[in-house]
């Protein structure tokens, strides 16, 4: 029987967030910073998954720093606090959610329905803040060590906004998930005729120091690009050097495990470009898994949460022309 891979070491400890439990909004772990001048409604979220706390460390530092917007409003939300409360350094992969994936419940039919779970209850609490936001940055991290990604969906305005941030994060355009709607795809953020901007950062492995640094860098660049801060407002040490990002990758296929016998052909870490179509990159129940076209890019390969039906890797191709910067 397959045994789970050992957890990665915790380079940074979990944050102490109890100071943010109470808020003036009356919604726990939600905090607003409002300028005197009108402007964008920017929402920054972390801890959508309870063991992904690199983004929470960045958001905690932002709130403790007391930085105020010049225009508009910044709303900071620590999302799945119930799952985070179960985090155990001895079993750090076990606190992803309580009842179900918080980032698959954002279909209106689910939010408006009668079904109950810890994650649905919390999504219903923070739904008004998501609905009023003009800009959303959702801070995540990854099971395995990997270069950071900015996940945009397929709308050109999100791809262009992500490319304009000047980070090393690979921009990944995808269609979302078949098993549920993510927060970044909810409502007006997924409306092709709308103007809402929504990005999901995958900052690197959950507990690496570099993932915290990436989260801080992208957080500040997002706030400046959205227009609520000026670059001169950013605290010293938060910004990494400007980078010309690589061409975006559009996800075309998802490889879904059919069995517990899924194995990659080598230790892929994500971002690898497989030159030839038909190359075997894995085996599943003895059958090869092959690339569908030349120059196929691997996105977020992992078998840490392996079970039949789980996505083990996404396959994509580089876009020849990224949308114009907005």
C-alpha atoms as a PDB file:
ATOM      1  CA  UNK A   1       0.000   0.000   0.000  1.00  0.00           C
ATOM      2  CA  UNK A   2       1.267   3.474  -0.884  1.00  0.00           C
ATOM      3  CA  UNK A   3       2.565   5.565   2.018  1.00  0.00           C
ATOM      4  CA  UNK A   4       2.266   9.331   1.992  1.00  0.00           C
ATOM      5  CA  UNK A   5       5.491  11.232   1.325  1.00  0.00           C
ATOM      6  CA  UNK A   6       7.021  12.752   4.465  1.00  0.00           C
ATOM      7  CA  UNK A   7       5.999  16.359   5.116  1.00  0.00           C
ATOM      8  CA  UNK A   8       8.323  19.124   4.069  1.00  0.00           C
ATOM      9  CA  UNK A   9      10.177  20.905   6.893  1.00  0.00           C
ATOM     10  CA  UNK A  10       8.611  23.973   8.449  1.00  0.00           C
ATOM     11  CA  UNK A  11      11.041  26.800   7.716  1.00  0.00           C
ATOM     12  CA  UNK A  12       8.650  29.308   9.261  1.00  0.00           C
ATOM     13  CA  UNK A  13       6.275  28.617  12.181  1.00  0.00           C
ATOM     14  CA  UNK A  14       2.537  29.161  11.973  1.00  0.00           C
ATOM     15  CA  UNK A  15       1.449  32.718  12.827  1.00  0.00           C
ATOM     16  CA  UNK A  16      -0.416  33.704  15.971  1.00  0.00           C
ATOM     17  CA  UNK A  17      -3.555  35.351  14.615  1.00  0.00           C
ATOM     18  CA  UNK A  18      -5.852  35.613  17.635  1.00  0.00           C
ATOM     19  CA  UNK A  19      -5.321  39.378  17.793  1.00  0.00           C
ATOM     20  CA  UNK A  20      -7.341  39.655  14.563  1.00  0.00           C
ATOM     21  CA  UNK A  21     -10.359  37.668  15.755  1.00  0.00           C
ATOM     22  CA  UNK A  22     -12.444  40.704  16.717  1.00  0.00           C
ATOM     23  CA  UNK A  23     -13.154  43.411  14.161  1.00  0.00           C
ATOM     24  CA  UNK A  24     -15.213  46.569  13.786  1.00  0.00           C
ATOM     25  CA  UNK A  25     -17.241  44.851  11.042  1.00  0.00           C
ATOM     26  CA  UNK A  26     -18.570  42.274  13.454  1.00  0.00           C
ATOM     27  CA  UNK A  27     -17.252  39.517  11.176  1.00  0.00           C
ATOM     28  CA  UNK A  28     -14.389  37.631  12.756  1.00  0.00           C
ATOM     29  CA  UNK A  29     -10.960  37.902  11.188  1.00  0.00           C
ATOM     30  CA  UNK A  30     -12.036  40.607   8.716  1.00  0.00           C
ATOM     31  CA  UNK A  31     -10.281  43.989   8.874  1.00  0.00           C
ATOM     32  CA  UNK A  32     -10.731  47.113   6.774  1.00  0.00           C
ATOM     33  CA  UNK A  33      -8.466  50.069   6.083  1.00  0.00           C
ATOM     34  CA  UNK A  34     -10.356  52.999   4.511  1.00  0.00           C
ATOM     35  CA  UNK A  35      -8.942  56.144   2.869  1.00  0.00           C
ATOM     36  CA  UNK A  36     -10.549  59.573   2.900  1.00  0.00           C
ATOM     37  CA  UNK A  37     -10.490  59.554  -0.907  1.00  0.00           C
ATOM     38  CA  UNK A  38     -12.692  57.258  -2.979  1.00  0.00           C
ATOM     39  CA  UNK A  39     -11.006  54.526  -4.937  1.00  0.00           C
ATOM     40  CA  UNK A  40     -10.847  50.778  -5.571  1.00  0.00           C
ATOM     41  CA  UNK A  41     -12.290  48.146  -3.241  1.00  0.00           C
ATOM     42  CA  UNK A  42      -9.371  45.764  -2.789  1.00  0.00           C
ATOM     43  CA  UNK A  43      -9.823  42.428  -1.021  1.00  0.00           C
ATOM     44  CA  UNK A  44      -6.815  40.402   0.153  1.00  0.00           C
ATOM     45  CA  UNK A  45      -7.534  36.883   1.399  1.00  0.00           C
ATOM     46  CA  UNK A  46      -5.365  34.244   3.045  1.00  0.00           C
ATOM     47  CA  UNK A  47      -5.876  30.843   4.699  1.00  0.00           C
ATOM     48  CA  UNK A  48      -8.448  29.623   2.196  1.00  0.00           C
ATOM     49  CA  UNK A  49      -6.756  26.329   3.114  1.00  0.00           C
ATOM     50  CA  UNK A  50      -5.840  25.928   6.759  1.00  0.00           C
ATOM     51  CA  UNK A  51      -2.275  24.675   6.248  1.00  0.00           C
ATOM     52  CA  UNK A  52      -1.303  27.362   3.692  1.00  0.00           C
ATOM     53  CA  UNK A  53      -0.079  30.047   6.054  1.00  0.00           C
ATOM     54  CA  UNK A  54       2.678  31.799   4.057  1.00  0.00           C
ATOM     55  CA  UNK A  55       0.070  34.270   2.815  1.00  0.00           C
ATOM     56  CA  UNK A  56      -1.335  34.645   6.331  1.00  0.00           C
ATOM     57  CA  UNK A  57       2.117  35.636   7.585  1.00  0.00           C
ATOM     58  CA  UNK A  58       2.292  38.334   4.899  1.00  0.00           C
ATOM     59  CA  UNK A  59      -1.227  39.574   5.689  1.00  0.00           C
ATOM     60  CA  UNK A  60      -0.493  39.573   9.423  1.00  0.00           C
ATOM     61  CA  UNK A  61       2.616  41.703   8.799  1.00  0.00           C
ATOM     62  CA  UNK A  62       0.615  44.085   6.626  1.00  0.00           C
ATOM     63  CA  UNK A  63      -2.025  44.599   9.325  1.00  0.00           C
ATOM     64  CA  UNK A  64       0.520  44.982  12.128  1.00  0.00           C
ATOM     65  CA  UNK A  65       2.368  47.584  10.070  1.00  0.00           C
ATOM     66  CA  UNK A  66      -0.674  49.874  10.115  1.00  0.00           C
ATOM     67  CA  UNK A  67      -0.316  50.910   6.474  1.00  0.00           C
ATOM     68  CA  UNK A  68      -3.323  52.953   5.316  1.00  0.00           C
ATOM     69  CA  UNK A  69      -4.589  53.240   1.733  1.00  0.00           C
ATOM     70  CA  UNK A  70      -4.314  56.564  -0.073  1.00  0.00           C
ATOM     71  CA  UNK A  71      -7.476  55.825  -2.039  1.00  0.00           C
ATOM     72  CA  UNK A  72     -10.372  53.425  -1.629  1.00  0.00           C
ATOM     73  CA  UNK A  73     -10.444  50.547   0.820  1.00  0.00           C
ATOM     74  CA  UNK A  74      -8.315  47.522   1.621  1.00  0.00           C
ATOM     75  CA  UNK A  75     -10.117  44.598   3.244  1.00  0.00           C
ATOM     76  CA  UNK A  76      -8.030  41.782   4.727  1.00  0.00           C
ATOM     77  CA  UNK A  77      -9.635  38.410   5.458  1.00  0.00           C
ATOM     78  CA  UNK A  78      -8.235  35.306   7.117  1.00  0.00           C
ATOM     79  CA  UNK A  79     -10.653  32.799   5.618  1.00  0.00           C
ATOM     80  CA  UNK A  80     -10.683  29.234   6.931  1.00  0.00           C
ATOM     81  CA  UNK A  81      -9.728  29.909  10.528  1.00  0.00           C
ATOM     82  CA  UNK A  82     -11.496  26.747  11.710  1.00  0.00           C
ATOM     83  CA  UNK A  83      -9.189  24.590   9.600  1.00  0.00           C
ATOM     84  CA  UNK A  84      -6.134  26.632  10.593  1.00  0.00           C
ATOM     85  CA  UNK A  85      -6.992  26.075  14.274  1.00  0.00           C
ATOM     86  CA  UNK A  86      -6.362  22.350  13.755  1.00  0.00           C
ATOM     87  CA  UNK A  87      -2.842  22.864  12.331  1.00  0.00           C
ATOM     88  CA  UNK A  88      -0.359  20.417  13.858  1.00  0.00           C
ATOM     89  CA  UNK A  89       3.364  20.797  13.058  1.00  0.00           C
ATOM     90  CA  UNK A  90       3.681  17.012  13.444  1.00  0.00           C
ATOM     91  CA  UNK A  91       1.082  16.461  10.704  1.00  0.00           C
ATOM     92  CA  UNK A  92       1.138  19.706   8.730  1.00  0.00           C
ATOM     93  CA  UNK A  93      -0.696  18.413   5.654  1.00  0.00           C
ATOM     94  CA  UNK A  94      -3.799  17.452   7.645  1.00  0.00           C
ATOM     95  CA  UNK A  95      -5.494  20.812   8.201  1.00  0.00           C
ATOM     96  CA  UNK A  96      -6.401  21.793   4.645  1.00  0.00           C
ATOM     97  CA  UNK A  97     -10.124  22.016   5.482  1.00  0.00           C
ATOM     98  CA  UNK A  98     -12.690  20.897   8.063  1.00  0.00           C
ATOM     99  CA  UNK A  99     -15.537  19.465   5.951  1.00  0.00           C
ATOM    100  CA  UNK A 100     -14.762  20.363   2.335  1.00  0.00           C
ATOM    101  CA  UNK A 101     -12.507  22.504   0.178  1.00  0.00           C
ATOM    102  CA  UNK A 102     -13.295  26.163   0.881  1.00  0.00           C
ATOM    103  CA  UNK A 103     -12.179  27.012  -2.648  1.00  0.00           C
ATOM    104  CA  UNK A 104     -14.824  24.842  -4.340  1.00  0.00           C
ATOM    105  CA  UNK A 105     -18.000  26.240  -2.735  1.00  0.00           C
ATOM    106  CA  UNK A 106     -18.348  29.554  -4.586  1.00  0.00           C
ATOM    107  CA  UNK A 107     -21.250  28.671  -6.878  1.00  0.00           C
ATOM    108  CA  UNK A 108     -24.347  30.778  -6.060  1.00  0.00           C
ATOM    109  CA  UNK A 109     -26.454  27.624  -5.920  1.00  0.00           C
ATOM    110  CA  UNK A 110     -24.273  26.337  -3.081  1.00  0.00           C
ATOM    111  CA  UNK A 111     -24.037  29.638  -1.233  1.00  0.00           C
ATOM    112  CA  UNK A 112     -27.806  30.196  -1.477  1.00  0.00           C
ATOM    113  CA  UNK A 113     -28.712  26.588  -0.734  1.00  0.00           C
ATOM    114  CA  UNK A 114     -29.527  24.806   2.493  1.00  0.00           C
ATOM    115  CA  UNK A 115     -26.535  22.470   2.669  1.00  0.00           C
ATOM    116  CA  UNK A 116     -24.269  23.093   5.657  1.00  0.00           C
ATOM    117  CA  UNK A 117     -20.560  22.738   6.287  1.00  0.00           C
ATOM    118  CA  UNK A 118     -17.900  24.690   8.156  1.00  0.00           C
ATOM    119  CA  UNK A 119     -16.542  26.034   4.871  1.00  0.00           C
ATOM    120  CA  UNK A 120     -19.935  27.038   3.470  1.00  0.00           C
ATOM    121  CA  UNK A 121     -20.776  28.871   6.691  1.00  0.00           C
ATOM    122  CA  UNK A 122     -17.560  30.880   6.484  1.00  0.00           C
ATOM    123  CA  UNK A 123     -18.010  31.574   2.756  1.00  0.00           C
ATOM    124  CA  UNK A 124     -21.483  32.937   3.456  1.00  0.00           C
ATOM    125  CA  UNK A 125     -20.002  35.217   6.148  1.00  0.00           C
ATOM    126  CA  UNK A 126     -17.413  36.787   3.871  1.00  0.00           C
ATOM    127  CA  UNK A 127     -19.491  36.742   0.680  1.00  0.00           C
ATOM    128  CA  UNK A 128     -20.509  40.442   0.997  1.00  0.00           C
ATOM    129  CA  UNK A 129     -16.851  41.481   1.013  1.00  0.00           C
ATOM    130  CA  UNK A 130     -16.151  39.406  -2.095  1.00  0.00           C
ATOM    131  CA  UNK A 131     -19.172  40.838  -3.893  1.00  0.00           C
ATOM    132  CA  UNK A 132     -18.236  44.465  -3.279  1.00  0.00           C
ATOM    133  CA  UNK A 133     -14.549  44.065  -4.212  1.00  0.00           C
ATOM    134  CA  UNK A 134     -13.253  45.518  -7.455  1.00  0.00           C
ATOM    135  CA  UNK A 135      -9.919  43.699  -6.993  1.00  0.00           C
ATOM    136  CA  UNK A 136      -9.196  40.367  -5.296  1.00  0.00           C
ATOM    137  CA  UNK A 137      -5.828  38.820  -4.460  1.00  0.00           C
ATOM    138  CA  UNK A 138      -6.154  35.341  -2.960  1.00  0.00           C
ATOM    139  CA  UNK A 139      -2.912  34.202  -1.281  1.00  0.00           C
ATOM    140  CA  UNK A 140      -2.171  30.469  -1.538  1.00  0.00           C
ATOM    141  CA  UNK A 141       0.849  28.178  -1.487  1.00  0.00           C
ATOM    142  CA  UNK A 142       1.663  24.703  -2.828  1.00  0.00           C
ATOM    143  CA  UNK A 143       2.161  21.124  -1.630  1.00  0.00           C
ATOM    144  CA  UNK A 144       5.615  20.852  -3.233  1.00  0.00           C
ATOM    145  CA  UNK A 145       8.573  23.209  -3.727  1.00  0.00           C
ATOM    146  CA  UNK A 146       7.841  25.049  -6.959  1.00  0.00           C
ATOM    147  CA  UNK A 147       8.403  28.413  -8.600  1.00  0.00           C
ATOM    148  CA  UNK A 148       5.499  30.796  -7.809  1.00  0.00           C
ATOM    149  CA  UNK A 149       2.439  31.046 -10.029  1.00  0.00           C
ATOM    150  CA  UNK A 150      -0.250  33.674 -10.576  1.00  0.00           C
ATOM    151  CA  UNK A 151      -3.479  31.929 -11.570  1.00  0.00           C
ATOM    152  CA  UNK A 152      -5.752  34.201 -13.587  1.00  0.00           C
ATOM    153  CA  UNK A 153      -8.583  32.293 -15.231  1.00  0.00           C
ATOM    154  CA  UNK A 154      -9.009  32.886 -18.960  1.00  0.00           C
ATOM    155  CA  UNK A 155     -10.185  36.520 -19.040  1.00  0.00           C
ATOM    156  CA  UNK A 156      -7.649  38.772 -20.806  1.00  0.00           C
ATOM    157  CA  UNK A 157      -7.956  41.551 -18.220  1.00  0.00           C
ATOM    158  CA  UNK A 158      -6.696  39.256 -15.430  1.00  0.00           C
ATOM    159  CA  UNK A 159      -3.856  37.856 -17.511  1.00  0.00           C
ATOM    160  CA  UNK A 160      -2.719  41.368 -18.450  1.00  0.00           C
ATOM    161  CA  UNK A 161      -2.960  42.616 -14.845  1.00  0.00           C
ATOM    162  CA  UNK A 162      -0.868  39.687 -13.595  1.00  0.00           C
ATOM    163  CA  UNK A 163       1.773  40.215 -16.288  1.00  0.00           C
ATOM    164  CA  UNK A 164       1.986  43.901 -15.383  1.00  0.00           C
ATOM    165  CA  UNK A 165       2.973  43.280 -11.747  1.00  0.00           C
ATOM    166  CA  UNK A 166       6.636  42.752 -12.615  1.00  0.00           C
ATOM    167  CA  UNK A 167       7.130  39.573 -10.581  1.00  0.00           C
ATOM    168  CA  UNK A 168       8.870  36.313 -11.427  1.00  0.00           C
ATOM    169  CA  UNK A 169       5.610  34.420 -10.926  1.00  0.00           C
ATOM    170  CA  UNK A 170       4.549  32.336 -13.907  1.00  0.00           C
ATOM    171  CA  UNK A 171       1.126  33.488 -15.078  1.00  0.00           C
ATOM    172  CA  UNK A 172      -1.213  30.508 -15.538  1.00  0.00           C
ATOM    173  CA  UNK A 173      -4.525  30.901 -17.359  1.00  0.00           C
ATOM    174  CA  UNK A 174      -7.009  28.133 -16.625  1.00  0.00           C
ATOM    175  CA  UNK A 175     -10.712  27.284 -16.668  1.00  0.00           C
ATOM    176  CA  UNK A 176     -11.062  26.598 -12.962  1.00  0.00           C
ATOM    177  CA  UNK A 177     -12.049  23.256 -11.477  1.00  0.00           C
ATOM    178  CA  UNK A 178     -14.710  20.769 -12.512  1.00  0.00           C
ATOM    179  CA  UNK A 179     -15.444  19.889  -8.873  1.00  0.00           C
ATOM    180  CA  UNK A 180     -16.440  23.387  -7.757  1.00  0.00           C
ATOM    181  CA  UNK A 181     -16.072  27.152  -8.172  1.00  0.00           C
ATOM    182  CA  UNK A 182     -13.103  29.023  -6.703  1.00  0.00           C
ATOM    183  CA  UNK A 183     -13.492  32.360  -4.952  1.00  0.00           C
ATOM    184  CA  UNK A 184     -11.464  34.073  -7.686  1.00  0.00           C
ATOM    185  CA  UNK A 185     -14.018  32.886 -10.272  1.00  0.00           C
ATOM    186  CA  UNK A 186     -17.075  33.944  -8.289  1.00  0.00           C
ATOM    187  CA  UNK A 187     -19.742  36.271  -9.696  1.00  0.00           C
ATOM    188  CA  UNK A 188     -18.512  39.438 -11.333  1.00  0.00           C
ATOM    189  CA  UNK A 189     -14.904  38.237 -11.303  1.00  0.00           C
ATOM    190  CA  UNK A 190     -15.820  35.622 -13.889  1.00  0.00           C
ATOM    191  CA  UNK A 191     -17.956  37.952 -16.019  1.00  0.00           C
ATOM    192  CA  UNK A 192     -16.354  38.577 -19.401  1.00  0.00           C
ATOM    193  CA  UNK A 193     -18.315  41.837 -19.719  1.00  0.00           C
ATOM    194  CA  UNK A 194     -17.247  43.066 -16.271  1.00  0.00           C
ATOM    195  CA  UNK A 195     -14.179  44.823 -14.957  1.00  0.00           C
ATOM    196  CA  UNK A 196     -13.335  42.985 -11.715  1.00  0.00           C
ATOM    197  CA  UNK A 197      -9.742  41.832 -11.318  1.00  0.00           C
ATOM    198  CA  UNK A 198      -9.058  38.575  -9.468  1.00  0.00           C
ATOM    199  CA  UNK A 199      -5.741  36.745  -9.097  1.00  0.00           C
ATOM    200  CA  UNK A 200      -4.754  33.687  -7.101  1.00  0.00           C
ATOM    201  CA  UNK A 201      -1.129  33.509  -6.006  1.00  0.00           C
ATOM    202  CA  UNK A 202       0.543  30.143  -5.506  1.00  0.00           C
ATOM    203  CA  UNK A 203       3.590  31.462  -3.673  1.00  0.00           C
ATOM    204  CA  UNK A 204       5.703  28.302  -3.416  1.00  0.00           C
ATOM    205  CA  UNK A 205       5.792  25.479  -0.888  1.00  0.00           C
ATOM    206  CA  UNK A 206       3.527  26.137   2.117  1.00  0.00           C
ATOM    207  CA  UNK A 207       6.162  26.577   4.814  1.00  0.00           C
ATOM    208  CA  UNK A 208       9.185  27.954   2.988  1.00  0.00           C
ATOM    209  CA  UNK A 209      10.564  31.371   3.899  1.00  0.00           C
ATOM    210  CA  UNK A 210      10.725  32.244   0.194  1.00  0.00           C
ATOM    211  CA  UNK A 211       6.941  31.737  -0.046  1.00  0.00           C
ATOM    212  CA  UNK A 212       6.412  34.383   2.634  1.00  0.00           C
ATOM    213  CA  UNK A 213       8.720  36.760   0.780  1.00  0.00           C
ATOM    214  CA  UNK A 214       6.888  36.111  -2.487  1.00  0.00           C
ATOM    215  CA  UNK A 215       3.525  36.698  -0.800  1.00  0.00           C
ATOM    216  CA  UNK A 216       4.696  40.034   0.611  1.00  0.00           C
ATOM    217  CA  UNK A 217       6.114  41.128  -2.746  1.00  0.00           C
ATOM    218  CA  UNK A 218       2.985  40.242  -4.732  1.00  0.00           C
ATOM    219  CA  UNK A 219       0.695  41.698  -2.063  1.00  0.00           C
ATOM    220  CA  UNK A 220       2.374  45.098  -2.225  1.00  0.00           C
ATOM    221  CA  UNK A 221       2.654  45.135  -6.007  1.00  0.00           C
ATOM    222  CA  UNK A 222      -1.020  44.256  -6.274  1.00  0.00           C
ATOM    223  CA  UNK A 223      -2.030  47.114  -3.949  1.00  0.00           C
ATOM    224  CA  UNK A 224       0.094  49.594  -5.897  1.00  0.00           C
ATOM    225  CA  UNK A 225      -1.139  48.370  -9.283  1.00  0.00           C
ATOM    226  CA  UNK A 226      -4.763  48.501  -8.101  1.00  0.00           C
ATOM    227  CA  UNK A 227      -4.236  52.126  -7.104  1.00  0.00           C
ATOM    228  CA  UNK A 228      -4.880  52.062  -3.360  1.00  0.00           C
ATOM    229  CA  UNK A 229      -1.198  52.664  -2.545  1.00  0.00           C
ATOM    230  CA  UNK A 230       1.688  54.491  -4.178  1.00  0.00           C
ATOM    231  CA  UNK A 231       4.968  52.655  -4.626  1.00  0.00           C
ATOM    232  CA  UNK A 232       6.606  55.099  -2.216  1.00  0.00           C
ATOM    233  CA  UNK A 233       4.252  53.807   0.508  1.00  0.00           C
ATOM    234  CA  UNK A 234       5.640  50.272   0.406  1.00  0.00           C
ATOM    235  CA  UNK A 235       7.710  49.422   3.502  1.00  0.00           C
ATOM    236  CA  UNK A 236      11.408  48.828   2.976  1.00  0.00           C
ATOM    237  CA  UNK A 237      12.257  45.211   2.219  1.00  0.00           C
ATOM    238  CA  UNK A 238       8.828  44.137   0.996  1.00  0.00           C
ATOM    239  CA  UNK A 239       9.507  44.432  -2.742  1.00  0.00           C
ATOM    240  CA  UNK A 240      11.722  42.005  -4.620  1.00  0.00           C
ATOM    241  CA  UNK A 241      13.481  43.272  -7.787  1.00  0.00           C
ATOM    242  CA  UNK A 242      11.341  43.966 -10.847  1.00  0.00           C
ATOM    243  CA  UNK A 243      11.273  41.059 -13.309  1.00  0.00           C
ATOM    244  CA  UNK A 244      10.048  40.671 -16.878  1.00  0.00           C
ATOM    245  CA  UNK A 245       7.676  37.703 -16.530  1.00  0.00           C
ATOM    246  CA  UNK A 246       7.747  34.739 -18.906  1.00  0.00           C
ATOM    247  CA  UNK A 247       4.964  34.273 -21.439  1.00  0.00           C
ATOM    248  CA  UNK A 248       1.704  33.095 -19.841  1.00  0.00           C
ATOM    249  CA  UNK A 249       0.817  29.413 -19.852  1.00  0.00           C
ATOM    250  CA  UNK A 250      -2.701  28.375 -20.804  1.00  0.00           C
ATOM    251  CA  UNK A 251      -3.828  25.133 -19.157  1.00  0.00           C
ATOM    252  CA  UNK A 252      -5.365  22.761 -21.712  1.00  0.00           C
ATOM    253  CA  UNK A 253      -5.520  19.433 -19.880  1.00  0.00           C
ATOM    254  CA  UNK A 254      -5.743  18.064 -16.358  1.00  0.00           C
ATOM    255  CA  UNK A 255      -4.300  14.699 -15.463  1.00  0.00           C
ATOM    256  CA  UNK A 256      -6.632  13.040 -12.961  1.00  0.00           C
ATOM    257  CA  UNK A 257      -5.493   9.968 -11.033  1.00  0.00           C
ATOM    258  CA  UNK A 258      -7.481   6.817 -11.793  1.00  0.00           C
ATOM    259  CA  UNK A 259      -5.778   4.752  -9.089  1.00  0.00           C
ATOM    260  CA  UNK A 260      -3.481   4.825  -6.084  1.00  0.00           C
ATOM    261  CA  UNK A 261      -0.744   3.470  -8.359  1.00  0.00           C
ATOM    262  CA  UNK A 262      -0.087   6.818 -10.032  1.00  0.00           C
ATOM    263  CA  UNK A 263       3.653   7.560 -10.285  1.00  0.00           C
ATOM    264  CA  UNK A 264       5.532  10.339 -12.081  1.00  0.00           C
ATOM    265  CA  UNK A 265       8.378   9.278 -14.344  1.00  0.00           C
ATOM    266  CA  UNK A 266      10.741  11.624 -12.513  1.00  0.00           C
ATOM    267  CA  UNK A 267      10.814  14.222  -9.769  1.00  0.00           C
ATOM    268  CA  UNK A 268       8.960  16.992 -11.586  1.00  0.00           C
ATOM    269  CA  UNK A 269       8.716  20.306  -9.711  1.00  0.00           C
ATOM    270  CA  UNK A 270       6.545  22.303 -12.118  1.00  0.00           C
ATOM    271  CA  UNK A 271       7.472  24.569 -14.980  1.00  0.00           C
ATOM    272  CA  UNK A 272       9.244  21.828 -16.941  1.00  0.00           C
ATOM    273  CA  UNK A 273       8.701  22.001 -20.703  1.00  0.00           C
ATOM    274  CA  UNK A 274       8.412  18.538 -22.278  1.00  0.00           C
ATOM    275  CA  UNK A 275       9.680  18.951 -25.795  1.00  0.00           C
ATOM    276  CA  UNK A 276       7.922  16.171 -27.711  1.00  0.00           C
ATOM    277  CA  UNK A 277       4.280  15.103 -27.893  1.00  0.00           C
ATOM    278  CA  UNK A 278       3.702  11.555 -26.686  1.00  0.00           C
ATOM    279  CA  UNK A 279       6.397  11.666 -24.004  1.00  0.00           C
ATOM    280  CA  UNK A 280       5.511   9.519 -21.005  1.00  0.00           C
ATOM    281  CA  UNK A 281       5.536  11.668 -17.858  1.00  0.00           C
ATOM    282  CA  UNK A 282       3.813   9.209 -15.500  1.00  0.00           C
ATOM    283  CA  UNK A 283       2.152   5.833 -15.120  1.00  0.00           C
ATOM    284  CA  UNK A 284      -1.299   5.220 -13.679  1.00  0.00           C
ATOM    285  CA  UNK A 285      -2.365   1.642 -12.932  1.00  0.00           C
ATOM    286  CA  UNK A 286       0.370   0.498 -15.307  1.00  0.00           C
ATOM    287  CA  UNK A 287      -0.739   2.722 -18.201  1.00  0.00           C
ATOM    288  CA  UNK A 288       1.483   5.573 -19.457  1.00  0.00           C
ATOM    289  CA  UNK A 289       0.402   9.204 -19.153  1.00  0.00           C
ATOM    290  CA  UNK A 290       1.696  11.074 -22.205  1.00  0.00           C
ATOM    291  CA  UNK A 291       2.020  14.696 -23.210  1.00  0.00           C
ATOM    292  CA  UNK A 292      -0.616  15.745 -25.800  1.00  0.00           C
ATOM    293  CA  UNK A 293       1.568  18.118 -27.832  1.00  0.00           C
ATOM    294  CA  UNK A 294       5.094  19.456 -28.284  1.00  0.00           C
ATOM    295  CA  UNK A 295       6.526  21.899 -25.740  1.00  0.00           C
ATOM    296  CA  UNK A 296       4.024  20.905 -23.063  1.00  0.00           C
ATOM    297  CA  UNK A 297       4.461  22.772 -19.753  1.00  0.00           C
ATOM    298  CA  UNK A 298       3.852  20.945 -16.470  1.00  0.00           C
ATOM    299  CA  UNK A 299       1.931  22.945 -13.855  1.00  0.00           C
ATOM    300  CA  UNK A 300       1.870  22.019 -10.139  1.00  0.00           C
ATOM    301  CA  UNK A 301       2.673  18.292 -10.267  1.00  0.00           C
ATOM    302  CA  UNK A 302       2.016  16.555  -6.933  1.00  0.00           C
ATOM    303  CA  UNK A 303       0.815  13.228  -5.553  1.00  0.00           C
ATOM    304  CA  UNK A 304       0.821  14.362  -1.916  1.00  0.00           C
ATOM    305  CA  UNK A 305      -3.005  14.324  -1.804  1.00  0.00           C
ATOM    306  CA  UNK A 306      -3.267  11.301  -4.111  1.00  0.00           C
ATOM    307  CA  UNK A 307      -6.555   9.463  -4.431  1.00  0.00           C
ATOM    308  CA  UNK A 308      -8.646   8.500  -7.467  1.00  0.00           C
ATOM    309  CA  UNK A 309     -10.232  11.620  -8.951  1.00  0.00           C
ATOM    310  CA  UNK A 310      -7.543  14.040  -7.736  1.00  0.00           C
ATOM    311  CA  UNK A 311      -5.685  16.224 -10.250  1.00  0.00           C
ATOM    312  CA  UNK A 312      -2.013  15.255 -10.202  1.00  0.00           C
ATOM    313  CA  UNK A 313      -0.711  17.761 -12.760  1.00  0.00           C
ATOM    314  CA  UNK A 314      -2.013  20.323 -15.225  1.00  0.00           C
ATOM    315  CA  UNK A 315      -0.677  20.516 -18.775  1.00  0.00           C
ATOM    316  CA  UNK A 316      -0.382  23.754 -20.686  1.00  0.00           C
ATOM    317  CA  UNK A 317       1.177  25.608 -23.583  1.00  0.00           C
ATOM    318  CA  UNK A 318       2.744  29.038 -23.661  1.00  0.00           C
ATOM    319  CA  UNK A 319       0.577  31.751 -25.173  1.00  0.00           C
ATOM    320  CA  UNK A 320       2.141  33.321 -28.254  1.00  0.00           C
ATOM    321  CA  UNK A 321       0.814  36.770 -27.384  1.00  0.00           C
ATOM    322  CA  UNK A 322      -0.271  37.904 -23.943  1.00  0.00           C
ATOM    323  CA  UNK A 323      -3.137  40.416 -23.694  1.00  0.00           C
ATOM    324  CA  UNK A 324      -2.160  44.074 -23.639  1.00  0.00           C
ATOM    325  CA  UNK A 325      -1.471  45.560 -20.228  1.00  0.00           C
ATOM    326  CA  UNK A 326      -4.554  47.232 -18.786  1.00  0.00           C
END
